[in-house]
Structures are given as C-alpha cells and as structure tokens.
Amino acid sequence: MAWIYLLLAIIFEIIFALGASASQGFTKLKVSLITLVGIVGGIYFISLALKTLDVGVGYPIWTGVGAVGTVIFGALIFKEKITSAKVVCFVAIIGGVIGLKSLAGV
C-alpha cells in the first residue's frame, strides 16, 4: 500500500508544481485552490507512504519522479522546451529512483 500512497503523492506533487506556475503568484483563484489541494494531497500521501517506507527511499522518489513528471507535463501544457541536457538528467533521476526502489527491501 505504501507504493500506492507514494504514487498518489507524486501525482499531487506534479499538480502542485504545475499549479504554482499557472496561478501566477496565487493571483488566479481557481488555479490557486488547485495548487493548495496539490500541496495538501502531496504531503498527506507522502506521510502515509513514509509510515512504511524509509524516508531515504520514499522522499527522494517522491521529489525525483515529481520533478521529471513536472518537466514532462510542463512541456505538454506550457510548451516548455525539453533539451537533450534535460533528458540526460531525467535518465540520471530515473536511474536513481530505480536503484532506490530495488534497494527498498534491503
């Protein structure tokens, strides 16, 4: 169940980051409220995941996958550029996430 909570935390983290950008400094009410839901949801679900997962595994996965997801959706929604340098960094982050996941039971 901890991994499901972590996945939900990641989704809310991406919602938060994209909402923070779209809210234009919390000047757009609807988007600002969505951003706040993202913040609360992310913290709630990461706290549930960390009841079982080590913080040294769960937190880096949450932030790493959240960061990659934010860049991907930022490109799709806001037309931000994904450069080859960003792709290299994504691969490094995903490699770290896979490593942490594989070591989670150790």
PDB file of N, CA and C in Angstrom:
ATOM      1  N   MET A   1       0.814  -1.200   0.000  1.00  0.00           N
ATOM      2  CA  MET A   1       0.000   0.000   0.000  1.00  0.00           C
ATOM      3  C   MET A   1       0.860   1.267   0.000  1.00  0.00           C
ATOM      4  N   ALA A   2       2.060   1.178   0.594  1.00  0.00           N
ATOM      5  CA  ALA A   2       2.934   2.353   0.666  1.00  0.00           C
ATOM      6  C   ALA A   2       3.294   2.869  -0.727  1.00  0.00           C
ATOM      7  N   TRP A   3       3.471   1.962  -1.675  1.00  0.00           N
ATOM      8  CA  TRP A   3       3.849   2.392  -3.025  1.00  0.00           C
ATOM      9  C   TRP A   3       2.681   3.082  -3.716  1.00  0.00           C
ATOM     10  N   ILE A   4       1.466   2.668  -3.417  1.00  0.00           N
ATOM     11  CA  ILE A   4       0.286   3.350  -3.971  1.00  0.00           C
ATOM     12  C   ILE A   4       0.184   4.755  -3.385  1.00  0.00           C
ATOM     13  N   TYR A   5       0.398   4.867  -2.071  1.00  0.00           N
ATOM     14  CA  TYR A   5       0.408   6.187  -1.449  1.00  0.00           C
ATOM     15  C   TYR A   5       1.493   7.072  -2.064  1.00  0.00           C
ATOM     16  N   LEU A   6       2.645   6.484  -2.319  1.00  0.00           N
ATOM     17  CA  LEU A   6       3.740   7.252  -2.921  1.00  0.00           C
ATOM     18  C   LEU A   6       3.362   7.721  -4.320  1.00  0.00           C
ATOM     19  N   LEU A   7       2.732   6.863  -5.101  1.00  0.00           N
ATOM     20  CA  LEU A   7       2.286   7.252  -6.439  1.00  0.00           C
ATOM     21  C   LEU A   7       1.283   8.405  -6.362  1.00  0.00           C
ATOM     22  N   LEU A   8       0.345   8.322  -5.430  1.00  0.00           N
ATOM     23  CA  LEU A   8      -0.622   9.413  -5.257  1.00  0.00           C
ATOM     24  C   LEU A   8       0.078  10.701  -4.825  1.00  0.00           C
ATOM     25  N   ALA A   9       1.067  10.579  -3.939  1.00  0.00           N
ATOM     26  CA  ALA A   9       1.832  11.756  -3.513  1.00  0.00           C
ATOM     27  C   ALA A   9       2.546  12.394  -4.699  1.00  0.00           C
ATOM     28  N   ILE A  10       3.072  11.577  -5.588  1.00  0.00           N
ATOM     29  CA  ILE A  10       3.769  12.082  -6.779  1.00  0.00           C
ATOM     30  C   ILE A  10       2.785  12.837  -7.681  1.00  0.00           C
ATOM     31  N   ILE A  11       1.609  12.271  -7.877  1.00  0.00           N
ATOM     32  CA  ILE A  11       0.600  12.934  -8.720  1.00  0.00           C
ATOM     33  C   ILE A  11       0.240  14.300  -8.131  1.00  0.00           C
ATOM     34  N   PHE A  12       0.013  14.339  -6.815  1.00  0.00           N
ATOM     35  CA  PHE A  12      -0.311  15.620  -6.178  1.00  0.00           C
ATOM     36  C   PHE A  12       0.868  16.598  -6.234  1.00  0.00           C
ATOM     37  N   GLU A  13       2.082  16.080  -6.167  1.00  0.00           N
ATOM     38  CA  GLU A  13       3.278  16.932  -6.264  1.00  0.00           C
ATOM     39  C   GLU A  13       3.340  17.608  -7.639  1.00  0.00           C
ATOM     40  N   ILE A  14       3.032  16.848  -8.674  1.00  0.00           N
ATOM     41  CA  ILE A  14       3.027  17.402 -10.032  1.00  0.00           C
ATOM     42  C   ILE A  14       1.915  18.446 -10.171  1.00  0.00           C
ATOM     43  N   ILE A  15       0.738  18.141  -9.624  1.00  0.00           N
ATOM     44  CA  ILE A  15      -0.369  19.105  -9.649  1.00  0.00           C
ATOM     45  C   ILE A  15       0.041  20.395  -8.950  1.00  0.00           C
ATOM     46  N   PHE A  16       0.683  20.253  -7.791  1.00  0.00           N
ATOM     47  CA  PHE A  16       1.144  21.428  -7.043  1.00  0.00           C
ATOM     48  C   PHE A  16       2.113  22.271  -7.875  1.00  0.00           C
ATOM     49  N   ALA A  17       3.134  21.628  -8.442  1.00  0.00           N
ATOM     50  CA  ALA A  17       4.159  22.382  -9.176  1.00  0.00           C
ATOM     51  C   ALA A  17       3.577  23.078 -10.404  1.00  0.00           C
ATOM     52  N   LEU A  18       2.757  22.370 -11.162  1.00  0.00           N
ATOM     53  CA  LEU A  18       2.148  22.984 -12.346  1.00  0.00           C
ATOM     54  C   LEU A  18       1.176  24.091 -11.950  1.00  0.00           C
ATOM     55  N   GLY A  19       0.435  23.853 -10.882  1.00  0.00           N
ATOM     56  CA  GLY A  19      -0.496  24.868 -10.402  1.00  0.00           C
ATOM     57  C   GLY A  19       0.207  26.117  -9.910  1.00  0.00           C
ATOM     58  N   ALA A  20       1.336  25.921  -9.227  1.00  0.00           N
ATOM     59  CA  ALA A  20       2.102  27.071  -8.736  1.00  0.00           C
ATOM     60  C   ALA A  20       2.528  27.965  -9.892  1.00  0.00           C
ATOM     61  N   SER A  21       2.900  27.342 -10.994  1.00  0.00           N
ATOM     62  CA  SER A  21       3.289  28.122 -12.171  1.00  0.00           C
ATOM     63  C   SER A  21       2.071  28.806 -12.800  1.00  0.00           C
ATOM     64  N   ALA A  22       0.994  28.064 -12.942  1.00  0.00           N
ATOM     65  CA  ALA A  22      -0.195  28.592 -13.617  1.00  0.00           C
ATOM     66  C   ALA A  22      -0.954  29.615 -12.771  1.00  0.00           C
ATOM     67  N   SER A  23      -0.760  29.593 -11.455  1.00  0.00           N
ATOM     68  CA  SER A  23      -1.511  30.512 -10.590  1.00  0.00           C
ATOM     69  C   SER A  23      -1.006  31.949 -10.676  1.00  0.00           C
ATOM     70  N   GLN A  24       0.145  32.140 -11.312  1.00  0.00           N
ATOM     71  CA  GLN A  24       0.755  33.466 -11.468  1.00  0.00           C
ATOM     72  C   GLN A  24       0.858  34.179 -10.128  1.00  0.00           C
ATOM     73  N   GLY A  25       1.567  33.502  -9.206  1.00  0.00           N
ATOM     74  CA  GLY A  25       1.778  34.099  -7.887  1.00  0.00           C
ATOM     75  C   GLY A  25       0.522  34.123  -7.038  1.00  0.00           C
ATOM     76  N   PHE A  26      -0.298  33.104  -7.187  1.00  0.00           N
ATOM     77  CA  PHE A  26      -1.557  32.983  -6.448  1.00  0.00           C
ATOM     78  C   PHE A  26      -2.506  34.148  -6.724  1.00  0.00           C
ATOM     79  N   THR A  27      -2.485  34.650  -7.954  1.00  0.00           N
ATOM     80  CA  THR A  27      -3.398  35.719  -8.343  1.00  0.00           C
ATOM     81  C   THR A  27      -4.639  35.189  -9.064  1.00  0.00           C
ATOM     82  N   LYS A  28      -4.631  33.913  -9.428  1.00  0.00           N
ATOM     83  CA  LYS A  28      -5.791  33.284 -10.073  1.00  0.00           C
ATOM     84  C   LYS A  28      -6.412  32.332  -9.060  1.00  0.00           C
ATOM     85  N   LEU A  29      -7.617  32.647  -8.612  1.00  0.00           N
ATOM     86  CA  LEU A  29      -8.249  31.933  -7.501  1.00  0.00           C
ATOM     87  C   LEU A  29      -8.422  30.439  -7.775  1.00  0.00           C
ATOM     88  N   LYS A  30      -9.015  30.072  -8.886  1.00  0.00           N
ATOM     89  CA  LYS A  30      -9.300  28.659  -9.175  1.00  0.00           C
ATOM     90  C   LYS A  30      -8.009  27.836  -9.219  1.00  0.00           C
ATOM     91  N   VAL A  31      -7.030  28.328  -9.931  1.00  0.00           N
ATOM     92  CA  VAL A  31      -5.755  27.613 -10.033  1.00  0.00           C
ATOM     93  C   VAL A  31      -5.036  27.603  -8.683  1.00  0.00           C
ATOM     94  N   SER A  32      -5.152  28.660  -7.937  1.00  0.00           N
ATOM     95  CA  SER A  32      -4.541  28.720  -6.601  1.00  0.00           C
ATOM     96  C   SER A  32      -5.136  27.662  -5.686  1.00  0.00           C
ATOM     97  N   LEU A  33      -6.449  27.466  -5.763  1.00  0.00           N
ATOM     98  CA  LEU A  33      -7.101  26.438  -4.950  1.00  0.00           C
ATOM     99  C   LEU A  33      -6.648  25.038  -5.364  1.00  0.00           C
ATOM    100  N   ILE A  34      -6.508  24.821  -6.658  1.00  0.00           N
ATOM    101  CA  ILE A  34      -5.998  23.535  -7.152  1.00  0.00           C
ATOM    102  C   ILE A  34      -4.573  23.316  -6.647  1.00  0.00           C
ATOM    103  N   THR A  35      -3.778  24.369  -6.645  1.00  0.00           N
ATOM    104  CA  THR A  35      -2.405  24.294  -6.141  1.00  0.00           C
ATOM    105  C   THR A  35      -2.387  23.905  -4.668  1.00  0.00           C
ATOM    106  N   LEU A  36      -3.254  24.504  -3.891  1.00  0.00           N
ATOM    107  CA  LEU A  36      -3.331  24.178  -2.462  1.00  0.00           C
ATOM    108  C   LEU A  36      -3.765  22.733  -2.238  1.00  0.00           C
ATOM    109  N   VAL A  37      -4.688  22.243  -3.058  1.00  0.00           N
ATOM    110  CA  VAL A  37      -5.090  20.835  -2.975  1.00  0.00           C
ATOM    111  C   VAL A  37      -3.880  19.944  -3.293  1.00  0.00           C
ATOM    112  N   GLY A  38      -3.095  20.348  -4.273  1.00  0.00           N
ATOM    113  CA  GLY A  38      -1.887  19.593  -4.612  1.00  0.00           C
ATOM    114  C   GLY A  38      -0.905  19.529  -3.455  1.00  0.00           C
ATOM    115  N   ILE A  39      -0.706  20.658  -2.787  1.00  0.00           N
ATOM    116  CA  ILE A  39       0.210  20.709  -1.643  1.00  0.00           C
ATOM    117  C   ILE A  39      -0.276  19.788  -0.524  1.00  0.00           C
ATOM    118  N   VAL A  40      -1.526  19.955  -0.148  1.00  0.00           N
ATOM    119  CA  VAL A  40      -2.084  19.164   0.962  1.00  0.00           C
ATOM    120  C   VAL A  40      -2.114  17.679   0.608  1.00  0.00           C
ATOM    121  N   GLY A  41      -2.571  17.366  -0.596  1.00  0.00           N
ATOM    122  CA  GLY A  41      -2.625  15.962  -1.020  1.00  0.00           C
ATOM    123  C   GLY A  41      -1.249  15.324  -1.061  1.00  0.00           C
ATOM    124  N   GLY A  42      -0.279  16.048  -1.583  1.00  0.00           N
ATOM    125  CA  GLY A  42       1.082  15.519  -1.660  1.00  0.00           C
ATOM    126  C   GLY A  42       1.660  15.226  -0.293  1.00  0.00           C
ATOM    127  N   ILE A  43       1.510  16.161   0.617  1.00  0.00           N
ATOM    128  CA  ILE A  43       2.051  15.974   1.966  1.00  0.00           C
ATOM    129  C   ILE A  43       1.301  14.860   2.692  1.00  0.00           C
ATOM    130  N   TYR A  44      -0.002  14.806   2.527  1.00  0.00           N
ATOM    131  CA  TYR A  44      -0.788  13.765   3.180  1.00  0.00           C
ATOM    132  C   TYR A  44      -0.338  12.373   2.717  1.00  0.00           C
ATOM    133  N   PHE A  45      -0.278  12.168   1.399  1.00  0.00           N
ATOM    134  CA  PHE A  45       0.055  10.841   0.893  1.00  0.00           C
ATOM    135  C   PHE A  45       1.521  10.472   1.106  1.00  0.00           C
ATOM    136  N   ILE A  46       2.433  11.438   1.055  1.00  0.00           N
ATOM    137  CA  ILE A  46       3.831  11.082   1.352  1.00  0.00           C
ATOM    138  C   ILE A  46       3.951  10.694   2.823  1.00  0.00           C
ATOM    139  N   SER A  47       3.187  11.340   3.692  1.00  0.00           N
ATOM    140  CA  SER A  47       3.256  10.979   5.109  1.00  0.00           C
ATOM    141  C   SER A  47       2.736   9.558   5.328  1.00  0.00           C
ATOM    142  N   LEU A  48       1.704   9.160   4.596  1.00  0.00           N
ATOM    143  CA  LEU A  48       1.214   7.784   4.695  1.00  0.00           C
ATOM    144  C   LEU A  48       2.244   6.792   4.146  1.00  0.00           C
ATOM    145  N   ALA A  49       2.860   7.143   3.025  1.00  0.00           N
ATOM    146  CA  ALA A  49       3.871   6.253   2.435  1.00  0.00           C
ATOM    147  C   ALA A  49       5.052   6.075   3.373  1.00  0.00           C
ATOM    148  N   LEU A  50       5.443   7.146   4.058  1.00  0.00           N
ATOM    149  CA  LEU A  50       6.625   7.100   4.927  1.00  0.00           C
ATOM    150  C   LEU A  50       6.360   6.388   6.249  1.00  0.00           C
ATOM    151  N   LYS A  51       5.121   5.990   6.493  1.00  0.00           N
ATOM    152  CA  LYS A  51       4.856   5.146   7.654  1.00  0.00           C
ATOM    153  C   LYS A  51       5.498   3.771   7.450  1.00  0.00           C
ATOM    154  N   THR A  52       5.649   3.357   6.194  1.00  0.00           N
ATOM    155  CA  THR A  52       6.221   2.050   5.860  1.00  0.00           C
ATOM    156  C   THR A  52       7.594   2.177   5.210  1.00  0.00           C
ATOM    157  N   LEU A  53       7.715   3.097   4.262  1.00  0.00           N
ATOM    158  CA  LEU A  53       8.979   3.256   3.526  1.00  0.00           C
ATOM    159  C   LEU A  53       9.974   4.074   4.342  1.00  0.00           C
ATOM    160  N   ASP A  54      11.242   3.769   4.157  1.00  0.00           N
ATOM    161  CA  ASP A  54      12.293   4.611   4.745  1.00  0.00           C
ATOM    162  C   ASP A  54      12.227   5.987   4.102  1.00  0.00           C
ATOM    163  N   VAL A  55      12.435   7.031   4.885  1.00  0.00           N
ATOM    164  CA  VAL A  55      12.423   8.390   4.358  1.00  0.00           C
ATOM    165  C   VAL A  55      13.510   8.560   3.294  1.00  0.00           C
ATOM    166  N   GLY A  56      14.620   7.856   3.437  1.00  0.00           N
ATOM    167  CA  GLY A  56      15.713   7.933   2.472  1.00  0.00           C
ATOM    168  C   GLY A  56      15.390   7.268   1.152  1.00  0.00           C
ATOM    169  N   VAL A  57      14.293   6.543   1.089  1.00  0.00           N
ATOM    170  CA  VAL A  57      13.814   5.938  -0.155  1.00  0.00           C
ATOM    171  C   VAL A  57      12.599   6.712  -0.667  1.00  0.00           C
ATOM    172  N   GLY A  58      11.593   6.877   0.183  1.00  0.00           N
ATOM    173  CA  GLY A  58      10.339   7.487  -0.245  1.00  0.00           C
ATOM    174  C   GLY A  58      10.459   8.932  -0.676  1.00  0.00           C
ATOM    175  N   TYR A  59      11.147   9.733   0.122  1.00  0.00           N
ATOM    176  CA  TYR A  59      11.241  11.154  -0.193  1.00  0.00           C
ATOM    177  C   TYR A  59      11.998  11.425  -1.498  1.00  0.00           C
ATOM    178  N   PRO A  60      13.166  10.813  -1.718  1.00  0.00           N
ATOM    179  CA  PRO A  60      13.846  11.066  -2.997  1.00  0.00           C
ATOM    180  C   PRO A  60      13.055  10.581  -4.210  1.00  0.00           C
ATOM    181  N   ILE A  61      12.327   9.482  -4.058  1.00  0.00           N
ATOM    182  CA  ILE A  61      11.497   9.017  -5.166  1.00  0.00           C
ATOM    183  C   ILE A  61      10.370  10.015  -5.421  1.00  0.00           C
ATOM    184  N   TRP A  62       9.756  10.502  -4.351  1.00  0.00           N
ATOM    185  CA  TRP A  62       8.666  11.483  -4.475  1.00  0.00           C
ATOM    186  C   TRP A  62       9.153  12.720  -5.210  1.00  0.00           C
ATOM    187  N   THR A  63      10.259  13.269  -4.780  1.00  0.00           N
ATOM    188  CA  THR A  63      10.743  14.501  -5.399  1.00  0.00           C
ATOM    189  C   THR A  63      11.320  14.254  -6.792  1.00  0.00           C
ATOM    190  N   GLY A  64      12.010  13.135  -6.974  1.00  0.00           N
ATOM    191  CA  GLY A  64      12.628  12.848  -8.273  1.00  0.00           C
ATOM    192  C   GLY A  64      11.606  12.593  -9.365  1.00  0.00           C
ATOM    193  N   VAL A  65      10.687  11.687  -9.100  1.00  0.00           N
ATOM    194  CA  VAL A  65       9.661  11.385 -10.102  1.00  0.00           C
ATOM    195  C   VAL A  65       8.733  12.587 -10.276  1.00  0.00           C
ATOM    196  N   GLY A  66       8.455  13.287  -9.178  1.00  0.00           N
ATOM    197  CA  GLY A  66       7.654  14.512  -9.281  1.00  0.00           C
ATOM    198  C   GLY A  66       8.326  15.541 -10.172  1.00  0.00           C
ATOM    199  N   ALA A  67       9.634  15.670 -10.047  1.00  0.00           N
ATOM    200  CA  ALA A  67      10.374  16.635 -10.878  1.00  0.00           C
ATOM    201  C   ALA A  67      10.327  16.251 -12.352  1.00  0.00           C
ATOM    202  N   VAL A  68      10.561  14.981 -12.636  1.00  0.00           N
ATOM    203  CA  VAL A  68      10.519  14.531 -14.032  1.00  0.00           C
ATOM    204  C   VAL A  68       9.110  14.702 -14.594  1.00  0.00           C
ATOM    205  N   GLY A  69       8.106  14.317 -13.824  1.00  0.00           N
ATOM    206  CA  GLY A  69       6.725  14.484 -14.280  1.00  0.00           C
ATOM    207  C   GLY A  69       6.364  15.936 -14.517  1.00  0.00           C
ATOM    208  N   THR A  70       6.864  16.802 -13.652  1.00  0.00           N
ATOM    209  CA  THR A  70       6.591  18.233 -13.804  1.00  0.00           C
ATOM    210  C   THR A  70       7.208  18.774 -15.083  1.00  0.00           C
ATOM    211  N   VAL A  71       8.412  18.355 -15.401  1.00  0.00           N
ATOM    212  CA  VAL A  71       9.058  18.820 -16.634  1.00  0.00           C
ATOM    213  C   VAL A  71       8.313  18.299 -17.860  1.00  0.00           C
ATOM    214  N   ILE A  72       7.917  17.034 -17.820  1.00  0.00           N
ATOM    215  CA  ILE A  72       7.194  16.457 -18.966  1.00  0.00           C
ATOM    216  C   ILE A  72       5.859  17.164 -19.165  1.00  0.00           C
ATOM    217  N   PHE A  73       5.074  17.309 -18.085  1.00  0.00           N
ATOM    218  CA  PHE A  73       3.786  17.973 -18.218  1.00  0.00           C
ATOM    219  C   PHE A  73       3.945  19.472 -18.468  1.00  0.00           C
ATOM    220  N   GLY A  74       5.018  20.065 -17.966  1.00  0.00           N
ATOM    221  CA  GLY A  74       5.305  21.467 -18.268  1.00  0.00           C
ATOM    222  C   GLY A  74       5.523  21.670 -19.759  1.00  0.00           C
ATOM    223  N   ALA A  75       6.182  20.696 -20.386  1.00  0.00           N
ATOM    224  CA  ALA A  75       6.397  20.771 -21.836  1.00  0.00           C
ATOM    225  C   ALA A  75       5.076  20.603 -22.583  1.00  0.00           C
ATOM    226  N   LEU A  76       4.242  19.689 -22.101  1.00  0.00           N
ATOM    227  CA  LEU A  76       2.970  19.444 -22.780  1.00  0.00           C
ATOM    228  C   LEU A  76       1.971  20.586 -22.583  1.00  0.00           C
ATOM    229  N   ILE A  77       1.906  21.111 -21.375  1.00  0.00           N
ATOM    230  CA  ILE A  77       0.898  22.127 -21.057  1.00  0.00           C
ATOM    231  C   ILE A  77       1.376  23.544 -21.371  1.00  0.00           C
ATOM    232  N   PHE A  78       2.617  23.859 -20.958  1.00  0.00           N
ATOM    233  CA  PHE A  78       3.130  25.223 -21.087  1.00  0.00           C
ATOM    234  C   PHE A  78       4.101  25.400 -22.254  1.00  0.00           C
ATOM    235  N   LYS A  79       4.289  24.329 -23.032  1.00  0.00           N
ATOM    236  CA  LYS A  79       5.180  24.364 -24.208  1.00  0.00           C
ATOM    237  C   LYS A  79       6.632  24.681 -23.835  1.00  0.00           C
ATOM    238  N   GLU A  80       7.058  24.249 -22.641  1.00  0.00           N
ATOM    239  CA  GLU A  80       8.457  24.427 -22.238  1.00  0.00           C
ATOM    240  C   GLU A  80       9.325  23.451 -23.030  1.00  0.00           C
ATOM    241  N   LYS A  81      10.552  23.850 -23.286  1.00  0.00           N
ATOM    242  CA  LYS A  81      11.455  23.023 -24.094  1.00  0.00           C
ATOM    243  C   LYS A  81      12.079  21.913 -23.251  1.00  0.00           C
ATOM    244  N   ILE A  82      12.170  20.724 -23.857  1.00  0.00           N
ATOM    245  CA  ILE A  82      12.924  19.624 -23.260  1.00  0.00           C
ATOM    246  C   ILE A  82      14.178  19.456 -24.105  1.00  0.00           C
ATOM    247  N   THR A  83      15.299  19.828 -23.532  1.00  0.00           N
ATOM    248  CA  THR A  83      16.573  19.753 -24.241  1.00  0.00           C
ATOM    249  C   THR A  83      17.232  18.399 -24.009  1.00  0.00           C
ATOM    250  N   SER A  84      18.259  18.129 -24.788  1.00  0.00           N
ATOM    251  CA  SER A  84      18.991  16.873 -24.598  1.00  0.00           C
ATOM    252  C   SER A  84      19.659  16.832 -23.227  1.00  0.00           C
ATOM    253  N   ALA A  85      20.087  17.958 -22.717  1.00  0.00           N
ATOM    254  CA  ALA A  85      20.677  18.002 -21.376  1.00  0.00           C
ATOM    255  C   ALA A  85      19.633  17.626 -20.316  1.00  0.00           C
ATOM    256  N   LYS A  86      18.403  18.089 -20.498  1.00  0.00           N
ATOM    257  CA  LYS A  86      17.334  17.715 -19.568  1.00  0.00           C
ATOM    258  C   LYS A  86      17.069  16.213 -19.622  1.00  0.00           C
ATOM    259  N   VAL A  87      17.099  15.652 -20.820  1.00  0.00           N
ATOM    260  CA  VAL A  87      16.867  14.214 -20.970  1.00  0.00           C
ATOM    261  C   VAL A  87      17.950  13.418 -20.241  1.00  0.00           C
ATOM    262  N   VAL A  88      19.191  13.841 -20.342  1.00  0.00           N
ATOM    263  CA  VAL A  88      20.286  13.171 -19.627  1.00  0.00           C
ATOM    264  C   VAL A  88      20.015  13.228 -18.117  1.00  0.00           C
ATOM    265  N   CYS A  89      19.568  14.360 -17.646  1.00  0.00           N
ATOM    266  CA  CYS A  89      19.256  14.497 -16.219  1.00  0.00           C
ATOM    267  C   CYS A  89      18.072  13.620 -15.818  1.00  0.00           C
ATOM    268  N   PHE A  90      17.061  13.525 -16.685  1.00  0.00           N
ATOM    269  CA  PHE A  90      15.927  12.639 -16.403  1.00  0.00           C
ATOM    270  C   PHE A  90      16.395  11.205 -16.231  1.00  0.00           C
ATOM    271  N   VAL A  91      17.260  10.785 -17.146  1.00  0.00           N
ATOM    272  CA  VAL A  91      17.770   9.412 -17.097  1.00  0.00           C
ATOM    273  C   VAL A  91      18.506   9.176 -15.782  1.00  0.00           C
ATOM    274  N   ALA A  92      19.286  10.149 -15.353  1.00  0.00           N
ATOM    275  CA  ALA A  92      20.004  10.017 -14.077  1.00  0.00           C
ATOM    276  C   ALA A  92      19.018   9.934 -12.907  1.00  0.00           C
ATOM    277  N   ILE A  93      17.991  10.773 -12.922  1.00  0.00           N
ATOM    278  CA  ILE A  93      16.990  10.746 -11.845  1.00  0.00           C
ATOM    279  C   ILE A  93      16.253   9.416 -11.835  1.00  0.00           C
ATOM    280  N   ILE A  94      15.799   8.974 -12.996  1.00  0.00           N
ATOM    281  CA  ILE A  94      15.062   7.711 -13.076  1.00  0.00           C
ATOM    282  C   ILE A  94      15.965   6.549 -12.668  1.00  0.00           C
ATOM    283  N   GLY A  95      17.237   6.595 -13.062  1.00  0.00           N
ATOM    284  CA  GLY A  95      18.181   5.562 -12.626  1.00  0.00           C
ATOM    285  C   GLY A  95      18.298   5.525 -11.117  1.00  0.00           C
ATOM    286  N   GLY A  96      18.357   6.682 -10.498  1.00  0.00           N
ATOM    287  CA  GLY A  96      18.414   6.752  -9.036  1.00  0.00           C
ATOM    288  C   GLY A  96      17.148   6.221  -8.390  1.00  0.00           C
ATOM    289  N   VAL A  97      16.004   6.552  -8.983  1.00  0.00           N
ATOM    290  CA  VAL A  97      14.725   6.063  -8.466  1.00  0.00           C
ATOM    291  C   VAL A  97      14.654   4.540  -8.558  1.00  0.00           C
ATOM    292  N   ILE A  98      15.075   3.994  -9.694  1.00  0.00           N
ATOM    293  CA  ILE A  98      15.075   2.531  -9.850  1.00  0.00           C
ATOM    294  C   ILE A  98      16.017   1.896  -8.831  1.00  0.00           C
ATOM    295  N   GLY A  99      17.170   2.504  -8.641  1.00  0.00           N
ATOM    296  CA  GLY A  99      18.104   1.994  -7.646  1.00  0.00           C
ATOM    297  C   GLY A  99      17.527   2.023  -6.248  1.00  0.00           C
ATOM    298  N   LEU A 100      16.911   3.115  -5.867  1.00  0.00           N
ATOM    299  CA  LEU A 100      16.299   3.220  -4.538  1.00  0.00           C
ATOM    300  C   LEU A 100      15.159   2.212  -4.368  1.00  0.00           C
ATOM    301  N   LYS A 101      14.349   2.066  -5.413  1.00  0.00           N
ATOM    302  CA  LYS A 101      13.223   1.112  -5.344  1.00  0.00           C
ATOM    303  C   LYS A 101      13.757  -0.295  -5.179  1.00  0.00           C
ATOM    304  N   SER A 102      14.808  -0.644  -5.912  1.00  0.00           N
ATOM    305  CA  SER A 102      15.339  -2.008  -5.836  1.00  0.00           C
ATOM    306  C   SER A 102      16.012  -2.282  -4.489  1.00  0.00           C
ATOM    307  N   LEU A 103      16.493  -1.242  -3.838  1.00  0.00           N
ATOM    308  CA  LEU A 103      17.133  -1.406  -2.543  1.00  0.00           C
ATOM    309  C   LEU A 103      16.172  -1.227  -1.369  1.00  0.00           C
ATOM    310  N   ALA A 104      14.914  -0.910  -1.659  1.00  0.00           N
ATOM    311  CA  ALA A 104      13.949  -0.599  -0.606  1.00  0.00           C
ATOM    312  C   ALA A 104      13.755  -1.758   0.366  1.00  0.00           C
ATOM    313  N   GLY A 105      13.862  -2.986  -0.111  1.00  0.00           N
ATOM    314  CA  GLY A 105      13.660  -4.136   0.753  1.00  0.00           C
ATOM    315  C   GLY A 105      14.922  -4.576   1.475  1.00  0.00           C
ATOM    316  N   VAL A 106      16.043  -3.926   1.197  1.00  0.00           N
ATOM    317  CA  VAL A 106      17.324  -4.321   1.783  1.00  0.00           C
ATOM    318  C   VAL A 106      17.504  -3.739   3.172  1.00  0.00           C
TER     319      VAL A 106
END
